[in-house]
Amino acid sequence: MRADPTGPTAFYFGANCTGIGEVILTNAGPSRAAGLQVIGTNTIVLVPKNRAIEGLGTEAGTTCTFHAFGSDPNNLEETDPQTFPVVIVNG
């Protein structure tokens, strides 16, 4: 059984990412996941959970600036922006 990335335990992040702009990212629950799905697309953003992803993101010059979070994608809580190198995979 697959986890529903927009189900009742989904957690959302507001971010501005290289090449795809302002997006809402989600995972199946309020935990740190290496892969976050861009809502409404098949695009996955891999965040630096390990050195390999960090290195690939740095090499590619792709980043996401995370600036909001919450359990309701229509009412995200703004936070201090944090920028990370990421790998963006278009499905």
PDB file of N, CA and C in Angstrom:
ATOM      1  N   MET A   1       0.839  -1.180   0.000  1.00  0.00           N
ATOM      2  CA  MET A   1       0.000   0.000   0.000  1.00  0.00           C
ATOM      3  C   MET A   1       0.886   1.248   0.000  1.00  0.00           C
ATOM      4  N   ARG A   2       0.597   2.186  -0.865  1.00  0.00           N
ATOM      5  CA  ARG A   2       1.363   3.428  -0.949  1.00  0.00           C
ATOM      6  C   ARG A   2       0.766   4.484  -0.038  1.00  0.00           C
ATOM      7  N   ALA A   3       1.644   5.332   0.492  1.00  0.00           N
ATOM      8  CA  ALA A   3       1.177   6.460   1.301  1.00  0.00           C
ATOM      9  C   ALA A   3       0.615   7.536   0.376  1.00  0.00           C
ATOM     10  N   ASP A   4      -0.470   8.141   0.778  1.00  0.00           N
ATOM     11  CA  ASP A   4      -1.087   9.226   0.015  1.00  0.00           C
ATOM     12  C   ASP A   4      -0.409  10.532   0.409  1.00  0.00           C
ATOM     13  N   PRO A   5       0.325  11.176  -0.531  1.00  0.00           N
ATOM     14  CA  PRO A   5       1.036  12.411  -0.161  1.00  0.00           C
ATOM     15  C   PRO A   5       0.125  13.577   0.167  1.00  0.00           C
ATOM     16  N   THR A   6      -1.168  13.432  -0.069  1.00  0.00           N
ATOM     17  CA  THR A   6      -2.103  14.503   0.295  1.00  0.00           C
ATOM     18  C   THR A   6      -3.165  13.997   1.264  1.00  0.00           C
ATOM     19  N   GLY A   7      -2.904  12.877   1.917  1.00  0.00           N
ATOM     20  CA  GLY A   7      -3.857  12.275   2.852  1.00  0.00           C
ATOM     21  C   GLY A   7      -3.909  12.989   4.187  1.00  0.00           C
ATOM     22  N   PRO A   8      -4.597  12.382   5.162  1.00  0.00           N
ATOM     23  CA  PRO A   8      -4.848  13.046   6.449  1.00  0.00           C
ATOM     24  C   PRO A   8      -3.590  13.319   7.283  1.00  0.00           C
ATOM     25  N   THR A   9      -2.486  12.621   7.030  1.00  0.00           N
ATOM     26  CA  THR A   9      -1.264  12.888   7.795  1.00  0.00           C
ATOM     27  C   THR A   9      -0.218  13.645   6.972  1.00  0.00           C
ATOM     28  N   ALA A  10      -0.610  14.130   5.804  1.00  0.00           N
ATOM     29  CA  ALA A  10       0.335  14.851   4.938  1.00  0.00           C
ATOM     30  C   ALA A  10       0.819  16.122   5.623  1.00  0.00           C
ATOM     31  N   PHE A  11       2.045  16.512   5.275  1.00  0.00           N
ATOM     32  CA  PHE A  11       2.636  17.740   5.782  1.00  0.00           C
ATOM     33  C   PHE A  11       3.136  18.521   4.578  1.00  0.00           C
ATOM     34  N   TYR A  12       3.018  19.830   4.610  1.00  0.00           N
ATOM     35  CA  TYR A  12       3.287  20.663   3.444  1.00  0.00           C
ATOM     36  C   TYR A  12       4.356  21.709   3.736  1.00  0.00           C
ATOM     37  N   PHE A  13       5.062  22.084   2.664  1.00  0.00           N
ATOM     38  CA  PHE A  13       6.091  23.113   2.745  1.00  0.00           C
ATOM     39  C   PHE A  13       5.904  24.092   1.603  1.00  0.00           C
ATOM     40  N   GLY A  14       5.978  25.381   1.884  1.00  0.00           N
ATOM     41  CA  GLY A  14       6.012  26.400   0.851  1.00  0.00           C
ATOM     42  C   GLY A  14       7.473  26.644   0.507  1.00  0.00           C
ATOM     43  N   ALA A  15       7.799  26.635  -0.786  1.00  0.00           N
ATOM     44  CA  ALA A  15       9.193  26.803  -1.192  1.00  0.00           C
ATOM     45  C   ALA A  15       9.266  27.492  -2.550  1.00  0.00           C
ATOM     46  N   ASN A  16      10.399  28.128  -2.787  1.00  0.00           N
ATOM     47  CA  ASN A  16      10.700  28.696  -4.084  1.00  0.00           C
ATOM     48  C   ASN A  16      11.927  27.958  -4.593  1.00  0.00           C
ATOM     49  N   CYS A  17      11.778  27.247  -5.718  1.00  0.00           N
ATOM     50  CA  CYS A  17      12.828  26.354  -6.203  1.00  0.00           C
ATOM     51  C   CYS A  17      13.335  26.763  -7.582  1.00  0.00           C
ATOM     52  N   THR A  18      14.614  26.562  -7.798  1.00  0.00           N
ATOM     53  CA  THR A  18      15.256  26.848  -9.070  1.00  0.00           C
ATOM     54  C   THR A  18      14.514  26.145 -10.206  1.00  0.00           C
ATOM     55  N   GLY A  19      14.126  26.889 -11.219  1.00  0.00           N
ATOM     56  CA  GLY A  19      13.532  26.313 -12.419  1.00  0.00           C
ATOM     57  C   GLY A  19      12.048  26.007 -12.333  1.00  0.00           C
ATOM     58  N   ILE A  20      11.489  25.885 -11.128  1.00  0.00           N
ATOM     59  CA  ILE A  20      10.055  25.590 -11.034  1.00  0.00           C
ATOM     60  C   ILE A  20       9.294  26.652 -10.242  1.00  0.00           C
ATOM     61  N   GLY A  21      10.027  27.573  -9.614  1.00  0.00           N
ATOM     62  CA  GLY A  21       9.396  28.708  -8.943  1.00  0.00           C
ATOM     63  C   GLY A  21       8.740  28.385  -7.622  1.00  0.00           C
ATOM     64  N   GLU A  22       7.682  29.116  -7.318  1.00  0.00           N
ATOM     65  CA  GLU A  22       6.962  28.989  -6.048  1.00  0.00           C
ATOM     66  C   GLU A  22       6.080  27.745  -6.101  1.00  0.00           C
ATOM     67  N   VAL A  23       6.288  26.827  -5.153  1.00  0.00           N
ATOM     68  CA  VAL A  23       5.556  25.563  -5.137  1.00  0.00           C
ATOM     69  C   VAL A  23       5.146  25.193  -3.719  1.00  0.00           C
ATOM     70  N   ILE A  24       4.215  24.257  -3.641  1.00  0.00           N
ATOM     71  CA  ILE A  24       3.887  23.613  -2.367  1.00  0.00           C
ATOM     72  C   ILE A  24       4.354  22.180  -2.481  1.00  0.00           C
ATOM     73  N   LEU A  25       5.194  21.782  -1.544  1.00  0.00           N
ATOM     74  CA  LEU A  25       5.749  20.425  -1.508  1.00  0.00           C
ATOM     75  C   LEU A  25       5.058  19.642  -0.411  1.00  0.00           C
ATOM     76  N   THR A  26       4.943  18.330  -0.588  1.00  0.00           N
ATOM     77  CA  THR A  26       4.291  17.512   0.420  1.00  0.00           C
ATOM     78  C   THR A  26       5.011  16.184   0.612  1.00  0.00           C
ATOM     79  N   ASN A  27       4.833  15.624   1.812  1.00  0.00           N
ATOM     80  CA  ASN A  27       5.188  14.239   2.075  1.00  0.00           C
ATOM     81  C   ASN A  27       4.039  13.619   2.849  1.00  0.00           C
ATOM     82  N   ALA A  28       4.102  12.311   3.054  1.00  0.00           N
ATOM     83  CA  ALA A  28       2.958  11.595   3.611  1.00  0.00           C
ATOM     84  C   ALA A  28       2.718  11.861   5.094  1.00  0.00           C
ATOM     85  N   GLY A  29       3.643  12.465   5.795  1.00  0.00           N
ATOM     86  CA  GLY A  29       3.455  12.733   7.216  1.00  0.00           C
ATOM     87  C   GLY A  29       4.401  13.801   7.690  1.00  0.00           C
ATOM     88  N   PRO A  30       4.243  14.262   8.912  1.00  0.00           N
ATOM     89  CA  PRO A  30       5.095  15.344   9.434  1.00  0.00           C
ATOM     90  C   PRO A  30       6.473  14.834   9.863  1.00  0.00           C
ATOM     91  N   SER A  31       7.207  14.271   8.917  1.00  0.00           N
ATOM     92  CA  SER A  31       8.563  13.804   9.197  1.00  0.00           C
ATOM     93  C   SER A  31       9.464  14.283   8.074  1.00  0.00           C
ATOM     94  N   ARG A  32      10.734  14.306   8.345  1.00  0.00           N
ATOM     95  CA  ARG A  32      11.668  14.746   7.311  1.00  0.00           C
ATOM     96  C   ARG A  32      11.893  13.622   6.313  1.00  0.00           C
ATOM     97  N   ALA A  33      11.551  13.862   5.075  1.00  0.00           N
ATOM     98  CA  ALA A  33      11.706  12.867   4.022  1.00  0.00           C
ATOM     99  C   ALA A  33      12.703  13.374   2.993  1.00  0.00           C
ATOM    100  N   ALA A  34      13.391  12.465   2.349  1.00  0.00           N
ATOM    101  CA  ALA A  34      14.356  12.857   1.330  1.00  0.00           C
ATOM    102  C   ALA A  34      13.670  13.331   0.054  1.00  0.00           C
ATOM    103  N   GLY A  35      12.471  12.809  -0.246  1.00  0.00           N
ATOM    104  CA  GLY A  35      11.756  13.176  -1.457  1.00  0.00           C
ATOM    105  C   GLY A  35      10.435  13.832  -1.136  1.00  0.00           C
ATOM    106  N   LEU A  36      10.223  15.034  -1.662  1.00  0.00           N
ATOM    107  CA  LEU A  36       8.967  15.767  -1.463  1.00  0.00           C
ATOM    108  C   LEU A  36       8.324  15.969  -2.828  1.00  0.00           C
ATOM    109  N   GLN A  37       7.033  15.702  -2.929  1.00  0.00           N
ATOM    110  CA  GLN A  37       6.324  15.850  -4.198  1.00  0.00           C
ATOM    111  C   GLN A  37       5.780  17.261  -4.346  1.00  0.00           C
ATOM    112  N   VAL A  38       5.924  17.817  -5.563  1.00  0.00           N
ATOM    113  CA  VAL A  38       5.317  19.104  -5.876  1.00  0.00           C
ATOM    114  C   VAL A  38       3.833  18.849  -6.118  1.00  0.00           C
ATOM    115  N   ILE A  39       2.984  19.498  -5.332  1.00  0.00           N
ATOM    116  CA  ILE A  39       1.539  19.304  -5.436  1.00  0.00           C
ATOM    117  C   ILE A  39       1.068  19.560  -6.866  1.00  0.00           C
ATOM    118  N   GLY A  40       0.233  18.655  -7.367  1.00  0.00           N
ATOM    119  CA  GLY A  40      -0.354  18.811  -8.687  1.00  0.00           C
ATOM    120  C   GLY A  40       0.532  18.375  -9.836  1.00  0.00           C
ATOM    121  N   THR A  41       1.694  17.790  -9.539  1.00  0.00           N
ATOM    122  CA  THR A  41       2.616  17.353 -10.590  1.00  0.00           C
ATOM    123  C   THR A  41       3.205  15.990 -10.223  1.00  0.00           C
ATOM    124  N   ASN A  42       4.020  15.472 -11.126  1.00  0.00           N
ATOM    125  CA  ASN A  42       4.796  14.263 -10.850  1.00  0.00           C
ATOM    126  C   ASN A  42       6.227  14.617 -10.471  1.00  0.00           C
ATOM    127  N   THR A  43       6.513  15.885 -10.234  1.00  0.00           N
ATOM    128  CA  THR A  43       7.859  16.340  -9.912  1.00  0.00           C
ATOM    129  C   THR A  43       8.179  16.051  -8.449  1.00  0.00           C
ATOM    130  N   ILE A  44       9.392  15.557  -8.217  1.00  0.00           N
ATOM    131  CA  ILE A  44       9.888  15.250  -6.887  1.00  0.00           C
ATOM    132  C   ILE A  44      11.114  16.116  -6.619  1.00  0.00           C
ATOM    133  N   VAL A  45      11.175  16.679  -5.426  1.00  0.00           N
ATOM    134  CA  VAL A  45      12.337  17.455  -4.993  1.00  0.00           C
ATOM    135  C   VAL A  45      13.057  16.627  -3.925  1.00  0.00           C
ATOM    136  N   LEU A  46      14.304  16.267  -4.219  1.00  0.00           N
ATOM    137  CA  LEU A  46      15.122  15.522  -3.264  1.00  0.00           C
ATOM    138  C   LEU A  46      15.918  16.519  -2.432  1.00  0.00           C
ATOM    139  N   VAL A  47      15.696  16.501  -1.133  1.00  0.00           N
ATOM    140  CA  VAL A  47      16.363  17.427  -0.222  1.00  0.00           C
ATOM    141  C   VAL A  47      17.594  16.758   0.380  1.00  0.00           C
ATOM    142  N   PRO A  48      18.546  17.548   0.878  1.00  0.00           N
ATOM    143  CA  PRO A  48      19.825  16.995   1.334  1.00  0.00           C
ATOM    144  C   PRO A  48      19.739  16.210   2.631  1.00  0.00           C
ATOM    145  N   LYS A  49      19.256  14.990   2.522  1.00  0.00           N
ATOM    146  CA  LYS A  49      19.234  14.104   3.679  1.00  0.00           C
ATOM    147  C   LYS A  49      20.575  13.370   3.796  1.00  0.00           C
ATOM    148  N   ASN A  50      21.332  13.376   2.714  1.00  0.00           N
ATOM    149  CA  ASN A  50      22.664  12.761   2.737  1.00  0.00           C
ATOM    150  C   ASN A  50      23.607  13.549   1.838  1.00  0.00           C
ATOM    151  N   ARG A  51      24.874  13.277   1.943  1.00  0.00           N
ATOM    152  CA  ARG A  51      25.903  14.028   1.188  1.00  0.00           C
ATOM    153  C   ARG A  51      25.756  13.866  -0.322  1.00  0.00           C
ATOM    154  N   ALA A  52      25.284  12.713  -0.790  1.00  0.00           N
ATOM    155  CA  ALA A  52      25.148  12.497  -2.229  1.00  0.00           C
ATOM    156  C   ALA A  52      24.160  13.484  -2.836  1.00  0.00           C
ATOM    157  N   ILE A  53      22.998  13.621  -2.213  1.00  0.00           N
ATOM    158  CA  ILE A  53      21.992  14.563  -2.720  1.00  0.00           C
ATOM    159  C   ILE A  53      22.514  15.987  -2.612  1.00  0.00           C
ATOM    160  N   GLU A  54      23.132  16.316  -1.501  1.00  0.00           N
ATOM    161  CA  GLU A  54      23.687  17.661  -1.322  1.00  0.00           C
ATOM    162  C   GLU A  54      24.707  17.970  -2.411  1.00  0.00           C
ATOM    163  N   GLY A  55      25.590  17.021  -2.697  1.00  0.00           N
ATOM    164  CA  GLY A  55      26.606  17.216  -3.724  1.00  0.00           C
ATOM    165  C   GLY A  55      26.021  17.379  -5.111  1.00  0.00           C
ATOM    166  N   LEU A  56      25.037  16.545  -5.460  1.00  0.00           N
ATOM    167  CA  LEU A  56      24.396  16.647  -6.774  1.00  0.00           C
ATOM    168  C   LEU A  56      23.653  17.967  -6.930  1.00  0.00           C
ATOM    169  N   GLY A  57      22.968  18.394  -5.869  1.00  0.00           N
ATOM    170  CA  GLY A  57      22.256  19.670  -5.927  1.00  0.00           C
ATOM    171  C   GLY A  57      23.204  20.842  -6.070  1.00  0.00           C
ATOM    172  N   THR A  58      24.288  20.801  -5.317  1.00  0.00           N
ATOM    173  CA  THR A  58      25.298  21.866  -5.405  1.00  0.00           C
ATOM    174  C   THR A  58      25.907  21.905  -6.795  1.00  0.00           C
ATOM    175  N   GLU A  59      26.231  20.731  -7.332  1.00  0.00           N
ATOM    176  CA  GLU A  59      26.825  20.642  -8.662  1.00  0.00           C
ATOM    177  C   GLU A  59      25.868  21.161  -9.735  1.00  0.00           C
ATOM    178  N   ALA A  60      24.582  20.844  -9.599  1.00  0.00           N
ATOM    179  CA  ALA A  60      23.587  21.277 -10.584  1.00  0.00           C
ATOM    180  C   ALA A  60      23.202  22.744 -10.411  1.00  0.00           C
ATOM    181  N   GLY A  61      23.487  23.313  -9.241  1.00  0.00           N
ATOM    182  CA  GLY A  61      23.111  24.703  -8.980  1.00  0.00           C
ATOM    183  C   GLY A  61      21.628  24.868  -8.706  1.00  0.00           C
ATOM    184  N   THR A  62      20.978  23.804  -8.247  1.00  0.00           N
ATOM    185  CA  THR A  62      19.549  23.868  -7.961  1.00  0.00           C
ATOM    186  C   THR A  62      19.318  23.950  -6.461  1.00  0.00           C
ATOM    187  N   THR A  63      18.448  24.865  -6.067  1.00  0.00           N
ATOM    188  CA  THR A  63      18.147  25.067  -4.652  1.00  0.00           C
ATOM    189  C   THR A  63      16.646  25.250  -4.457  1.00  0.00           C
ATOM    190  N   CYS A  64      16.213  25.063  -3.226  1.00  0.00           N
ATOM    191  CA  CYS A  64      14.874  25.450  -2.806  1.00  0.00           C
ATOM    192  C   CYS A  64      15.024  26.274  -1.539  1.00  0.00           C
ATOM    193  N   THR A  65      14.300  27.373  -1.491  1.00  0.00           N
ATOM    194  CA  THR A  65      14.229  28.177  -0.281  1.00  0.00           C
ATOM    195  C   THR A  65      12.891  27.871   0.375  1.00  0.00           C
ATOM    196  N   PHE A  66      12.954  27.163   1.500  1.00  0.00           N
ATOM    197  CA  PHE A  66      11.760  26.793   2.249  1.00  0.00           C
ATOM    198  C   PHE A  66      11.376  27.960   3.149  1.00  0.00           C
ATOM    199  N   HIS A  67      10.094  28.386   3.102  1.00  0.00           N
ATOM    200  CA  HIS A  67       9.691  29.572   3.854  1.00  0.00           C
ATOM    201  C   HIS A  67       8.371  29.410   4.609  1.00  0.00           C
ATOM    202  N   ALA A  68       7.729  28.242   4.474  1.00  0.00           N
ATOM    203  CA  ALA A  68       6.459  28.023   5.168  1.00  0.00           C
ATOM    204  C   ALA A  68       6.234  26.530   5.365  1.00  0.00           C
ATOM    205  N   PHE A  69       5.365  26.185   6.319  1.00  0.00           N
ATOM    206  CA  PHE A  69       5.081  24.775   6.591  1.00  0.00           C
ATOM    207  C   PHE A  69       3.731  24.649   7.278  1.00  0.00           C
ATOM    208  N   GLY A  70       3.200  23.425   7.293  1.00  0.00           N
ATOM    209  CA  GLY A  70       1.962  23.174   8.011  1.00  0.00           C
ATOM    210  C   GLY A  70       1.206  21.977   7.492  1.00  0.00           C
ATOM    211  N   SER A  71       0.094  21.680   8.147  1.00  0.00           N
ATOM    212  CA  SER A  71      -0.719  20.520   7.771  1.00  0.00           C
ATOM    213  C   SER A  71      -1.874  20.887   6.836  1.00  0.00           C
ATOM    214  N   ASP A  72      -2.054  22.176   6.547  1.00  0.00           N
ATOM    215  CA  ASP A  72      -3.090  22.641   5.619  1.00  0.00           C
ATOM    216  C   ASP A  72      -2.407  23.419   4.500  1.00  0.00           C
ATOM    217  N   PRO A  73      -2.413  22.893   3.263  1.00  0.00           N
ATOM    218  CA  PRO A  73      -1.696  23.576   2.188  1.00  0.00           C
ATOM    219  C   PRO A  73      -2.241  24.959   1.854  1.00  0.00           C
ATOM    220  N   ASN A  74      -3.452  25.251   2.301  1.00  0.00           N
ATOM    221  CA  ASN A  74      -4.052  26.563   2.044  1.00  0.00           C
ATOM    222  C   ASN A  74      -3.800  27.561   3.165  1.00  0.00           C
ATOM    223  N   ASN A  75      -3.124  27.119   4.213  1.00  0.00           N
ATOM    224  CA  ASN A  75      -2.884  27.987   5.365  1.00  0.00           C
ATOM    225  C   ASN A  75      -1.533  27.630   5.992  1.00  0.00           C
ATOM    226  N   LEU A  76      -0.459  27.853   5.245  1.00  0.00           N
ATOM    227  CA  LEU A  76       0.879  27.525   5.736  1.00  0.00           C
ATOM    228  C   LEU A  76       1.415  28.634   6.626  1.00  0.00           C
ATOM    229  N   GLU A  77       2.157  28.244   7.648  1.00  0.00           N
ATOM    230  CA  GLU A  77       2.754  29.193   8.583  1.00  0.00           C
ATOM    231  C   GLU A  77       4.117  29.638   8.056  1.00  0.00           C
ATOM    232  N   GLU A  78       4.273  30.939   7.887  1.00  0.00           N
ATOM    233  CA  GLU A  78       5.546  31.477   7.405  1.00  0.00           C
ATOM    234  C   GLU A  78       6.629  31.288   8.478  1.00  0.00           C
ATOM    235  N   THR A  79       7.848  31.061   8.029  1.00  0.00           N
ATOM    236  CA  THR A  79       8.983  30.875   8.915  1.00  0.00           C
ATOM    237  C   THR A  79      10.206  31.551   8.300  1.00  0.00           C
ATOM    238  N   ASP A  80      11.299  31.623   9.036  1.00  0.00           N
ATOM    239  CA  ASP A  80      12.527  32.177   8.483  1.00  0.00           C
ATOM    240  C   ASP A  80      12.961  31.328   7.289  1.00  0.00           C
ATOM    241  N   PRO A  81      13.218  31.947   6.138  1.00  0.00           N
ATOM    242  CA  PRO A  81      13.609  31.185   4.952  1.00  0.00           C
ATOM    243  C   PRO A  81      14.934  30.455   5.151  1.00  0.00           C
ATOM    244  N   GLN A  82      14.983  29.243   4.642  1.00  0.00           N
ATOM    245  CA  GLN A  82      16.206  28.442   4.659  1.00  0.00           C
ATOM    246  C   GLN A  82      16.400  27.857   3.266  1.00  0.00           C
ATOM    247  N   THR A  83      17.592  28.017   2.717  1.00  0.00           N
ATOM    248  CA  THR A  83      17.890  27.550   1.367  1.00  0.00           C
ATOM    249  C   THR A  83      18.791  26.324   1.423  1.00  0.00           C
ATOM    250  N   PHE A  84      18.426  25.308   0.621  1.00  0.00           N
ATOM    251  CA  PHE A  84      19.188  24.060   0.556  1.00  0.00           C
ATOM    252  C   PHE A  84      19.438  23.687  -0.895  1.00  0.00           C
ATOM    253  N   PRO A  85      20.592  23.055  -1.190  1.00  0.00           N
ATOM    254  CA  PRO A  85      20.774  22.486  -2.526  1.00  0.00           C
ATOM    255  C   PRO A  85      19.851  21.284  -2.647  1.00  0.00           C
ATOM    256  N   VAL A  86      19.207  21.134  -3.802  1.00  0.00           N
ATOM    257  CA  VAL A  86      18.261  20.035  -4.019  1.00  0.00           C
ATOM    258  C   VAL A  86      18.473  19.442  -5.396  1.00  0.00           C
ATOM    259  N   VAL A  87      17.912  18.263  -5.594  1.00  0.00           N
ATOM    260  CA  VAL A  87      17.842  17.635  -6.907  1.00  0.00           C
ATOM    261  C   VAL A  87      16.373  17.607  -7.291  1.00  0.00           C
ATOM    262  N   ILE A  88      16.044  18.145  -8.463  1.00  0.00           N
ATOM    263  CA  ILE A  88      14.666  18.207  -8.931  1.00  0.00           C
ATOM    264  C   ILE A  88      14.486  17.176 -10.040  1.00  0.00           C
ATOM    265  N   VAL A  89      13.539  16.259  -9.815  1.00  0.00           N
ATOM    266  CA  VAL A  89      13.277  15.173 -10.758  1.00  0.00           C
ATOM    267  C   VAL A  89      11.883  15.377 -11.338  1.00  0.00           C
ATOM    268  N   ASN A  90      11.802  15.596 -12.648  1.00  0.00           N
ATOM    269  CA  ASN A  90      10.511  15.775 -13.307  1.00  0.00           C
ATOM    270  C   ASN A  90      10.014  14.433 -13.797  1.00  0.00           C
ATOM    271  N   GLY A  91       8.761  14.099 -13.417  1.00  0.00           N
ATOM    272  CA  GLY A  91       8.185  12.807 -13.794  1.00  0.00           C
ATOM    273  C   GLY A  91       7.493  12.853 -15.122  1.00  0.00           C
TER     274      GLY A  91
END
